[in-house]
Every structure is written in structure tokens, then in C-alpha cells.
């Protein structure tokens, strides 16, 4: 079979092959949107395009691990839910959501006025802050982002914590 090369590939759930291809090509923005689409699909929230904390109660550990493994692998440990979780729990952030969002590039807290300014869109490149992506699935809430992020029902809360809890299962 001259001219052919055979590559060993990892077995990935067919639901995530497109995501894997996007990430392997470094198409971060498209991969971010594909991640959100797949997560909304798995959670049965395709129409709402928004996840709440309760939506993660029955969310498959395997699906979360697959998504996170793909992000961390193809970004060389720069992006992924586990990266976000590590940053959130770090001594610099200490589980403070506004510090967390500042550190990963989702916005900036003006400490003088105590106002948080959100970014309209992430950078979508490996020069972006560590942990900036995935973004869409955790940031696509209501029009009032401050209310969404600070709500105990925000998808950000469980996504940041869920991998730590479910990864050991």
C-alpha cells in the first residue's frame, strides 16, 4: 500500500468527532460553539441554549471527561474545564468568581468602583489567558451576565466544580 500511512487514532464517541477535528485544527471559536452545541444536546437543552446547575445532575461523567480531555489535549493543557477548575481553586483566586473571570480573561474587575466589566467575546487563540475556553456554554446565559454568573443556578458554578467531583467517579 504505497503512498498510504496508517495512523493510530483514539476512540472518540462519534458525537465528539467534529469537536475533535476542530480542536486538532486549532479552530478554537468553532470548537467553542461546537462544545456548547454538544453539551446542550446531551443535557436536552438544545432549544433553550442555556444550562443551569440542575442540568448537570444527570450529565454524563463520560461526556464531560471526553470534552475536557479533547480541549486539554489539543490546547496542550491551556484550555478545558479541568484547567478552569484548577484556576478557580488556586490560591490566587480562592473560589472568587470575579477573580476567576478576571484571571481567565472573561472580564476585569475595577477595584476602585467595584464594577466588573465583561468581555464581549474571548480571544480564541493560544495567546489568550489560560483557561479562557470553553466559554460559550458557561457564558451564554441571560442578557444580564452579572445576574447569570452570580446566580447559584448558573452553568459556570457546576462546570467549574463538576469535573473535580465527577472525575473521581
N, C-alpha and C. Protein backbone atom coordinates (compact mmCIF):
# COMPACT_ATOMS: atom_id res chain seq x y z
N UNK A 1 0.84 -1.18 0.00
CA UNK A 1 0.00 0.00 0.00
C UNK A 1 0.88 1.24 0.00
N UNK A 2 1.61 1.41 -1.04
CA UNK A 2 2.49 2.56 -1.16
C UNK A 2 1.67 3.84 -1.21
N UNK A 3 2.19 4.86 -0.56
CA UNK A 3 1.52 6.15 -0.55
C UNK A 3 0.53 6.34 0.58
N UNK A 4 0.24 5.28 1.32
CA UNK A 4 -0.69 5.38 2.43
C UNK A 4 0.06 5.28 3.74
N UNK A 5 -0.35 6.07 4.68
CA UNK A 5 0.17 5.96 6.04
C UNK A 5 -0.99 5.63 6.95
N UNK A 6 -0.74 4.76 7.89
CA UNK A 6 -1.77 4.39 8.83
C UNK A 6 -1.43 5.01 10.17
N UNK A 7 -2.39 5.76 10.69
CA UNK A 7 -2.21 6.41 11.98
C UNK A 7 -3.10 5.73 13.00
N UNK A 8 -2.57 5.54 14.16
CA UNK A 8 -3.38 5.02 15.25
C UNK A 8 -4.19 6.19 15.80
N UNK A 9 -5.49 6.00 15.88
CA UNK A 9 -6.34 7.07 16.40
C UNK A 9 -6.99 6.60 17.69
N UNK A 10 -7.30 7.55 18.52
CA UNK A 10 -8.01 7.25 19.75
C UNK A 10 -9.48 7.07 19.43
N UNK A 11 -10.11 6.23 20.18
CA UNK A 11 -11.54 6.03 20.01
C UNK A 11 -12.27 7.16 20.72
N UNK A 12 -13.05 7.91 19.95
CA UNK A 12 -13.83 9.02 20.49
C UNK A 12 -15.28 8.77 20.16
N UNK A 13 -16.15 9.02 21.11
CA UNK A 13 -17.58 8.92 20.88
C UNK A 13 -17.90 9.69 19.60
N UNK A 14 -18.64 9.07 18.67
CA UNK A 14 -18.95 9.75 17.40
C UNK A 14 -19.56 11.14 17.57
N UNK A 15 -20.25 11.38 18.68
CA UNK A 15 -20.84 12.69 18.96
C UNK A 15 -19.76 13.77 18.99
N UNK A 16 -18.51 13.40 19.31
CA UNK A 16 -17.45 14.39 19.51
C UNK A 16 -16.38 14.39 18.43
N UNK A 17 -16.59 13.68 17.33
CA UNK A 17 -15.57 13.64 16.27
C UNK A 17 -15.40 15.01 15.63
N UNK A 18 -16.50 15.71 15.39
CA UNK A 18 -16.39 17.04 14.80
C UNK A 18 -15.64 17.99 15.75
N UNK A 19 -15.95 17.91 17.03
CA UNK A 19 -15.23 18.72 18.01
C UNK A 19 -13.74 18.38 17.99
N UNK A 20 -13.42 17.11 17.96
CA UNK A 20 -12.02 16.69 17.91
C UNK A 20 -11.32 17.27 16.68
N UNK A 21 -11.98 17.21 15.54
CA UNK A 21 -11.38 17.75 14.31
C UNK A 21 -11.15 19.26 14.42
N UNK A 22 -12.14 19.97 14.93
CA UNK A 22 -11.98 21.43 15.09
C UNK A 22 -10.83 21.77 16.01
N UNK A 23 -10.74 21.06 17.13
CA UNK A 23 -9.66 21.32 18.08
C UNK A 23 -8.30 20.95 17.50
N UNK A 24 -8.23 19.84 16.78
CA UNK A 24 -6.94 19.42 16.20
C UNK A 24 -6.46 20.42 15.16
N UNK A 25 -7.39 21.14 14.54
CA UNK A 25 -7.04 22.17 13.55
C UNK A 25 -6.82 23.54 14.20
N UNK A 26 -7.02 23.63 15.52
CA UNK A 26 -6.84 24.91 16.21
C UNK A 26 -7.93 25.91 15.91
N UNK A 27 -9.09 25.44 15.52
CA UNK A 27 -10.23 26.31 15.22
C UNK A 27 -11.01 26.52 16.52
N UNK A 28 -10.44 27.34 17.39
CA UNK A 28 -10.91 27.49 18.77
C UNK A 28 -12.33 28.04 18.86
N UNK A 29 -12.66 29.03 18.05
CA UNK A 29 -14.01 29.61 18.13
C UNK A 29 -15.05 28.60 17.69
N UNK A 30 -14.80 27.93 16.57
CA UNK A 30 -15.74 26.91 16.11
C UNK A 30 -15.85 25.78 17.12
N UNK A 31 -14.74 25.39 17.72
CA UNK A 31 -14.74 24.32 18.73
C UNK A 31 -15.51 24.75 19.97
N UNK A 32 -15.41 26.01 20.33
CA UNK A 32 -16.15 26.53 21.48
C UNK A 32 -17.66 26.42 21.23
N UNK A 33 -18.09 26.82 20.06
CA UNK A 33 -19.52 26.74 19.72
C UNK A 33 -19.98 25.28 19.60
N UNK A 34 -19.14 24.42 19.04
CA UNK A 34 -19.47 23.00 18.94
C UNK A 34 -19.59 22.38 20.32
N UNK A 35 -18.71 22.77 21.24
CA UNK A 35 -18.78 22.28 22.61
C UNK A 35 -20.13 22.64 23.23
N UNK A 36 -20.52 23.89 23.09
CA UNK A 36 -21.81 24.33 23.63
C UNK A 36 -22.95 23.54 23.00
N UNK A 37 -22.91 23.38 21.68
CA UNK A 37 -23.97 22.63 21.00
C UNK A 37 -24.08 21.21 21.53
N UNK A 38 -22.95 20.53 21.67
CA UNK A 38 -22.97 19.14 22.15
C UNK A 38 -23.45 19.06 23.61
N UNK A 39 -23.04 20.01 24.43
CA UNK A 39 -23.46 19.99 25.83
C UNK A 39 -24.95 20.28 25.96
N UNK A 40 -25.46 21.22 25.17
CA UNK A 40 -26.90 21.49 25.18
C UNK A 40 -27.66 20.27 24.69
N UNK A 41 -27.11 19.58 23.69
CA UNK A 41 -27.74 18.37 23.16
C UNK A 41 -27.80 17.28 24.24
N UNK A 42 -26.67 17.02 24.89
CA UNK A 42 -26.59 15.97 25.92
C UNK A 42 -27.55 16.28 27.07
N UNK A 43 -27.65 17.55 27.43
CA UNK A 43 -28.49 17.95 28.55
C UNK A 43 -29.97 18.11 28.16
N UNK A 44 -30.27 17.95 26.88
CA UNK A 44 -31.65 18.14 26.44
C UNK A 44 -32.07 19.60 26.47
N UNK A 45 -31.13 20.51 26.27
CA UNK A 45 -31.40 21.95 26.35
C UNK A 45 -31.10 22.66 25.04
N UNK A 46 -31.25 21.92 23.94
CA UNK A 46 -30.93 22.49 22.63
C UNK A 46 -31.75 23.75 22.34
N UNK A 47 -33.03 23.71 22.64
CA UNK A 47 -33.90 24.86 22.37
C UNK A 47 -33.55 26.06 23.25
N UNK A 48 -33.29 25.81 24.53
CA UNK A 48 -33.01 26.90 25.47
C UNK A 48 -31.63 27.49 25.26
N UNK A 49 -30.67 26.66 24.82
CA UNK A 49 -29.27 27.08 24.65
C UNK A 49 -28.74 27.74 25.91
N UNK A 50 -29.05 27.12 27.02
CA UNK A 50 -28.59 27.60 28.32
C UNK A 50 -28.63 26.44 29.29
N UNK A 51 -27.63 26.34 30.13
CA UNK A 51 -27.58 25.30 31.14
C UNK A 51 -27.66 25.91 32.53
N UNK A 52 -28.38 25.25 33.39
CA UNK A 52 -28.49 25.65 34.79
C UNK A 52 -27.87 24.54 35.64
N UNK A 53 -27.64 24.81 36.89
CA UNK A 53 -26.99 23.84 37.77
C UNK A 53 -27.72 22.50 37.77
N UNK A 54 -29.04 22.51 37.80
CA UNK A 54 -29.81 21.27 37.85
C UNK A 54 -29.59 20.42 36.60
N UNK A 55 -29.21 21.04 35.48
CA UNK A 55 -28.99 20.30 34.24
C UNK A 55 -27.78 19.38 34.33
N UNK A 56 -26.91 19.63 35.29
CA UNK A 56 -25.70 18.81 35.43
C UNK A 56 -25.89 17.62 36.35
N UNK A 57 -27.03 17.55 37.04
CA UNK A 57 -27.24 16.46 37.97
C UNK A 57 -27.17 15.10 37.28
N UNK A 58 -27.69 15.02 36.07
CA UNK A 58 -27.67 13.76 35.33
C UNK A 58 -26.76 13.82 34.11
N UNK A 59 -25.91 14.83 34.06
CA UNK A 59 -25.00 14.97 32.92
C UNK A 59 -23.94 13.87 33.02
N UNK A 60 -23.70 13.20 31.94
CA UNK A 60 -22.79 12.06 31.91
C UNK A 60 -21.35 12.46 32.25
N UNK A 61 -20.76 11.74 33.20
CA UNK A 61 -19.34 11.95 33.53
C UNK A 61 -18.48 11.69 32.30
N UNK A 62 -18.84 10.67 31.55
CA UNK A 62 -18.07 10.31 30.35
C UNK A 62 -18.08 11.45 29.34
N UNK A 63 -19.24 12.08 29.14
CA UNK A 63 -19.31 13.19 28.20
C UNK A 63 -18.45 14.37 28.66
N UNK A 64 -18.55 14.72 29.93
CA UNK A 64 -17.74 15.83 30.45
C UNK A 64 -16.24 15.52 30.33
N UNK A 65 -15.86 14.32 30.68
CA UNK A 65 -14.45 13.93 30.59
C UNK A 65 -13.97 13.96 29.14
N UNK A 66 -14.80 13.47 28.24
CA UNK A 66 -14.42 13.46 26.82
C UNK A 66 -14.19 14.88 26.32
N UNK A 67 -15.13 15.76 26.61
CA UNK A 67 -15.00 17.16 26.17
C UNK A 67 -13.75 17.78 26.78
N UNK A 68 -13.57 17.60 28.07
CA UNK A 68 -12.41 18.18 28.74
C UNK A 68 -11.10 17.59 28.21
N UNK A 69 -11.06 16.28 28.03
CA UNK A 69 -9.84 15.64 27.51
C UNK A 69 -9.47 16.16 26.13
N UNK A 70 -10.48 16.36 25.28
CA UNK A 70 -10.20 16.88 23.94
C UNK A 70 -9.64 18.31 24.02
N UNK A 71 -10.27 19.15 24.84
CA UNK A 71 -9.78 20.53 24.98
C UNK A 71 -8.36 20.56 25.54
N UNK A 72 -8.12 19.82 26.60
CA UNK A 72 -6.79 19.88 27.21
C UNK A 72 -5.73 19.28 26.29
N UNK A 73 -6.06 18.22 25.60
CA UNK A 73 -5.09 17.59 24.70
C UNK A 73 -4.68 18.54 23.57
N UNK A 74 -5.65 19.05 22.85
CA UNK A 74 -5.34 19.83 21.65
C UNK A 74 -4.88 21.25 21.96
N UNK A 75 -5.13 21.73 23.16
CA UNK A 75 -4.63 23.06 23.53
C UNK A 75 -3.33 22.95 24.33
N UNK A 76 -2.84 21.73 24.49
CA UNK A 76 -1.62 21.47 25.27
C UNK A 76 -1.77 22.00 26.70
N UNK A 77 -2.89 21.62 27.34
CA UNK A 77 -3.19 21.97 28.74
C UNK A 77 -3.46 23.46 28.95
N UNK A 78 -3.84 24.18 27.89
CA UNK A 78 -4.10 25.62 28.02
C UNK A 78 -5.59 25.90 28.24
N UNK A 79 -6.46 25.07 27.65
CA UNK A 79 -7.90 25.25 27.76
C UNK A 79 -8.55 23.98 28.28
N UNK A 80 -9.76 24.12 28.80
CA UNK A 80 -10.53 22.97 29.25
C UNK A 80 -11.18 23.24 30.59
N UNK A 81 -12.21 22.46 30.90
CA UNK A 81 -12.91 22.63 32.17
C UNK A 81 -12.01 22.33 33.35
N UNK A 82 -11.15 21.33 33.22
CA UNK A 82 -10.26 20.99 34.34
C UNK A 82 -9.25 22.11 34.58
N UNK A 83 -8.84 22.79 33.53
CA UNK A 83 -7.94 23.94 33.67
C UNK A 83 -8.68 25.06 34.40
N UNK A 84 -9.92 25.30 34.00
CA UNK A 84 -10.73 26.31 34.68
C UNK A 84 -10.93 25.95 36.15
N UNK A 85 -11.19 24.69 36.42
CA UNK A 85 -11.39 24.24 37.80
C UNK A 85 -10.13 24.46 38.64
N UNK A 86 -8.98 24.12 38.06
CA UNK A 86 -7.71 24.30 38.78
C UNK A 86 -7.49 25.77 39.10
N UNK A 87 -7.75 26.64 38.15
CA UNK A 87 -7.56 28.08 38.36
C UNK A 87 -8.54 28.58 39.42
N UNK A 88 -9.79 28.14 39.34
CA UNK A 88 -10.81 28.57 40.29
C UNK A 88 -10.42 28.21 41.73
N UNK A 89 -9.80 27.05 41.89
CA UNK A 89 -9.42 26.59 43.23
C UNK A 89 -8.03 27.05 43.65
N UNK A 90 -7.32 27.77 42.78
CA UNK A 90 -5.95 28.19 43.09
C UNK A 90 -5.90 29.21 44.22
N UNK A 91 -4.73 29.36 44.79
CA UNK A 91 -4.57 30.30 45.90
C UNK A 91 -4.74 31.75 45.45
N UNK A 92 -4.50 32.03 44.17
CA UNK A 92 -4.70 33.39 43.64
C UNK A 92 -6.17 33.76 43.58
N UNK A 93 -7.01 32.80 43.26
CA UNK A 93 -8.43 33.05 43.04
C UNK A 93 -9.27 32.73 44.27
N UNK A 94 -8.97 31.66 44.94
CA UNK A 94 -9.65 31.25 46.18
C UNK A 94 -11.18 31.19 46.03
N UNK A 95 -11.64 30.55 44.96
CA UNK A 95 -13.07 30.34 44.73
C UNK A 95 -13.88 31.62 44.59
N UNK A 96 -13.25 32.74 44.22
CA UNK A 96 -13.94 34.01 44.00
C UNK A 96 -14.23 34.12 42.49
N UNK A 97 -15.51 34.15 42.11
CA UNK A 97 -15.87 34.12 40.70
C UNK A 97 -15.36 35.33 39.93
N UNK A 98 -15.36 36.51 40.53
CA UNK A 98 -14.89 37.68 39.81
C UNK A 98 -13.37 37.63 39.61
N UNK A 99 -12.63 37.15 40.59
CA UNK A 99 -11.18 36.96 40.42
C UNK A 99 -10.92 35.90 39.36
N UNK A 100 -11.71 34.84 39.41
CA UNK A 100 -11.60 33.76 38.43
C UNK A 100 -11.82 34.29 37.02
N UNK A 101 -12.92 35.01 36.81
CA UNK A 101 -13.22 35.53 35.48
C UNK A 101 -12.18 36.54 35.02
N UNK A 102 -11.62 37.31 35.94
CA UNK A 102 -10.54 38.24 35.57
C UNK A 102 -9.30 37.47 35.13
N UNK A 103 -8.96 36.42 35.86
CA UNK A 103 -7.75 35.68 35.57
C UNK A 103 -7.83 34.94 34.24
N UNK A 104 -8.99 34.42 33.89
CA UNK A 104 -9.09 33.67 32.63
C UNK A 104 -9.51 34.55 31.45
N UNK A 105 -9.64 35.84 31.68
CA UNK A 105 -9.88 36.76 30.57
C UNK A 105 -11.33 36.99 30.19
N UNK A 106 -12.25 36.65 31.07
CA UNK A 106 -13.66 36.87 30.77
C UNK A 106 -14.11 38.27 31.15
N UNK A 107 -13.25 39.03 31.76
CA UNK A 107 -13.60 40.39 32.15
C UNK A 107 -12.57 40.94 33.11
N UNK A 108 -12.87 42.11 33.64
CA UNK A 108 -11.94 42.78 34.54
C UNK A 108 -12.73 43.50 35.63
N UNK A 109 -12.29 43.31 36.86
CA UNK A 109 -12.91 43.99 37.99
C UNK A 109 -12.16 45.30 38.23
N UNK A 110 -12.90 46.40 38.17
CA UNK A 110 -12.34 47.69 38.53
C UNK A 110 -12.49 47.81 40.04
N UNK A 111 -11.40 47.62 40.75
CA UNK A 111 -11.47 47.57 42.22
C UNK A 111 -11.86 48.90 42.85
N UNK A 112 -11.59 50.01 42.16
CA UNK A 112 -11.97 51.32 42.71
C UNK A 112 -13.48 51.50 42.72
N UNK A 113 -14.11 51.14 41.60
CA UNK A 113 -15.57 51.33 41.52
C UNK A 113 -16.33 50.05 41.86
N UNK A 114 -15.60 48.94 42.02
CA UNK A 114 -16.19 47.63 42.32
C UNK A 114 -17.18 47.21 41.24
N UNK A 115 -16.86 47.57 39.99
CA UNK A 115 -17.69 47.22 38.83
C UNK A 115 -16.92 46.20 38.00
N UNK A 116 -17.61 45.16 37.58
CA UNK A 116 -16.99 44.14 36.74
C UNK A 116 -17.37 44.39 35.29
N UNK A 117 -16.36 44.49 34.44
CA UNK A 117 -16.57 44.72 33.02
C UNK A 117 -16.34 43.41 32.27
N UNK A 118 -17.37 42.92 31.58
CA UNK A 118 -17.29 41.66 30.85
C UNK A 118 -16.70 41.88 29.47
N UNK A 119 -16.00 40.89 28.96
CA UNK A 119 -15.54 40.95 27.58
C UNK A 119 -16.69 40.51 26.69
N UNK A 120 -16.84 41.16 25.53
CA UNK A 120 -17.94 40.76 24.65
C UNK A 120 -17.70 39.39 24.01
N UNK A 121 -16.42 39.01 23.89
CA UNK A 121 -16.07 37.78 23.19
C UNK A 121 -14.64 37.42 23.58
N UNK A 122 -14.35 36.13 23.74
CA UNK A 122 -12.97 35.75 24.07
C UNK A 122 -12.01 35.93 22.90
N UNK A 123 -10.74 35.75 23.18
CA UNK A 123 -9.70 35.96 22.18
C UNK A 123 -9.61 34.83 21.16
N UNK A 124 -9.96 33.62 21.52
CA UNK A 124 -9.93 32.46 20.63
C UNK A 124 -8.56 32.21 20.01
N UNK A 125 -7.54 32.20 20.83
CA UNK A 125 -6.21 31.82 20.36
C UNK A 125 -5.40 31.31 21.55
N UNK A 126 -4.31 30.62 21.26
CA UNK A 126 -3.48 30.11 22.35
C UNK A 126 -2.74 31.21 23.09
N UNK A 127 -2.80 32.44 22.58
CA UNK A 127 -2.22 33.57 23.32
C UNK A 127 -3.22 34.14 24.33
N UNK A 128 -4.44 33.61 24.32
CA UNK A 128 -5.46 34.02 25.30
C UNK A 128 -5.04 33.53 26.68
N UNK A 129 -5.60 34.12 27.72
CA UNK A 129 -5.28 33.65 29.07
C UNK A 129 -5.60 32.16 29.25
N UNK A 130 -4.80 31.51 30.04
CA UNK A 130 -5.02 30.10 30.34
C UNK A 130 -6.42 29.92 30.91
N UNK A 131 -7.15 28.93 30.40
CA UNK A 131 -8.48 28.62 30.91
C UNK A 131 -9.61 29.44 30.30
N UNK A 132 -9.32 30.30 29.35
CA UNK A 132 -10.37 31.14 28.78
C UNK A 132 -11.46 30.33 28.07
N UNK A 133 -11.10 29.20 27.51
CA UNK A 133 -12.05 28.37 26.77
C UNK A 133 -12.22 27.02 27.44
N UNK A 134 -13.36 26.36 27.27
CA UNK A 134 -14.58 26.77 26.60
C UNK A 134 -15.29 27.91 27.34
N UNK A 135 -15.96 28.73 26.56
CA UNK A 135 -16.58 29.94 27.07
C UNK A 135 -18.09 29.96 26.83
N UNK A 136 -18.51 29.66 25.61
CA UNK A 136 -19.92 29.85 25.22
C UNK A 136 -20.89 29.11 26.13
N UNK A 137 -20.62 27.87 26.46
CA UNK A 137 -21.58 27.08 27.23
C UNK A 137 -21.77 27.63 28.64
N UNK A 138 -20.76 28.26 29.19
CA UNK A 138 -20.87 28.80 30.54
C UNK A 138 -21.23 30.28 30.55
N UNK A 139 -21.21 30.91 29.40
CA UNK A 139 -21.38 32.36 29.34
C UNK A 139 -22.58 32.78 28.53
N UNK A 140 -23.37 31.83 28.09
CA UNK A 140 -24.46 32.09 27.17
C UNK A 140 -25.78 32.33 27.90
N UNK A 141 -25.74 32.68 29.14
CA UNK A 141 -26.97 32.79 29.92
C UNK A 141 -27.86 33.94 29.51
N UNK A 142 -28.54 34.50 30.47
CA UNK A 142 -29.46 35.60 30.19
C UNK A 142 -28.71 36.82 29.71
N UNK A 143 -29.44 37.82 29.27
CA UNK A 143 -28.82 39.06 28.79
C UNK A 143 -28.05 39.77 29.89
N UNK A 144 -28.45 39.60 31.14
CA UNK A 144 -27.76 40.23 32.26
C UNK A 144 -26.68 39.27 32.76
N UNK A 145 -25.48 39.40 32.23
CA UNK A 145 -24.41 38.46 32.54
C UNK A 145 -24.04 38.47 34.02
N UNK A 146 -24.10 39.63 34.64
CA UNK A 146 -23.76 39.69 36.06
C UNK A 146 -24.72 38.84 36.87
N UNK A 147 -26.01 38.96 36.58
CA UNK A 147 -27.01 38.15 37.29
C UNK A 147 -26.82 36.68 36.97
N UNK A 148 -26.51 36.38 35.72
CA UNK A 148 -26.32 34.98 35.31
C UNK A 148 -25.13 34.35 36.02
N UNK A 149 -23.99 35.02 35.98
CA UNK A 149 -22.77 34.48 36.56
C UNK A 149 -22.89 34.37 38.08
N UNK A 150 -23.51 35.35 38.72
CA UNK A 150 -23.58 35.32 40.17
C UNK A 150 -24.71 34.44 40.69
N UNK A 151 -25.58 33.99 39.79
CA UNK A 151 -26.69 33.13 40.21
C UNK A 151 -26.18 31.76 40.62
N UNK A 152 -26.72 31.19 41.70
CA UNK A 152 -26.32 29.84 42.08
C UNK A 152 -26.78 28.81 41.05
N UNK A 153 -27.63 29.21 40.10
CA UNK A 153 -28.11 28.29 39.08
C UNK A 153 -27.32 28.41 37.79
N UNK A 154 -26.33 29.30 37.74
CA UNK A 154 -25.52 29.48 36.55
C UNK A 154 -24.76 28.20 36.22
N UNK A 155 -24.60 27.94 34.92
CA UNK A 155 -23.83 26.77 34.49
C UNK A 155 -22.37 26.89 34.90
N UNK A 156 -21.89 28.10 35.09
CA UNK A 156 -20.49 28.28 35.47
C UNK A 156 -20.18 27.59 36.78
N UNK A 157 -21.06 27.69 37.74
CA UNK A 157 -20.83 27.09 39.05
C UNK A 157 -20.61 25.59 38.94
N UNK A 158 -21.53 24.82 38.36
CA UNK A 158 -21.30 23.38 38.31
C UNK A 158 -20.17 22.98 37.38
N UNK A 159 -19.99 23.69 36.26
CA UNK A 159 -18.92 23.30 35.34
C UNK A 159 -17.57 23.43 36.02
N UNK A 160 -17.39 24.49 36.76
CA UNK A 160 -16.12 24.70 37.45
C UNK A 160 -15.89 23.62 38.50
N UNK A 161 -16.94 23.18 39.16
CA UNK A 161 -16.82 22.19 40.23
C UNK A 161 -17.03 20.76 39.78
N UNK A 162 -17.85 20.54 38.76
CA UNK A 162 -18.32 19.19 38.45
C UNK A 162 -17.21 18.24 38.03
N UNK A 163 -16.24 18.73 37.28
CA UNK A 163 -15.17 17.83 36.85
C UNK A 163 -14.34 17.34 38.01
N UNK A 164 -14.14 18.18 38.99
CA UNK A 164 -13.39 17.78 40.16
C UNK A 164 -14.14 16.66 40.88
N UNK A 165 -15.43 16.81 40.99
CA UNK A 165 -16.25 15.82 41.69
C UNK A 165 -16.41 14.55 40.86
N UNK A 166 -16.79 14.70 39.60
CA UNK A 166 -17.10 13.55 38.75
C UNK A 166 -15.86 12.84 38.23
N UNK A 167 -14.74 13.52 38.16
CA UNK A 167 -13.53 12.89 37.62
C UNK A 167 -13.09 11.73 38.48
N UNK A 168 -13.43 11.75 39.74
CA UNK A 168 -13.01 10.67 40.63
C UNK A 168 -13.98 9.49 40.61
N UNK A 169 -15.09 9.64 39.90
CA UNK A 169 -16.11 8.57 39.85
C UNK A 169 -15.68 7.52 38.85
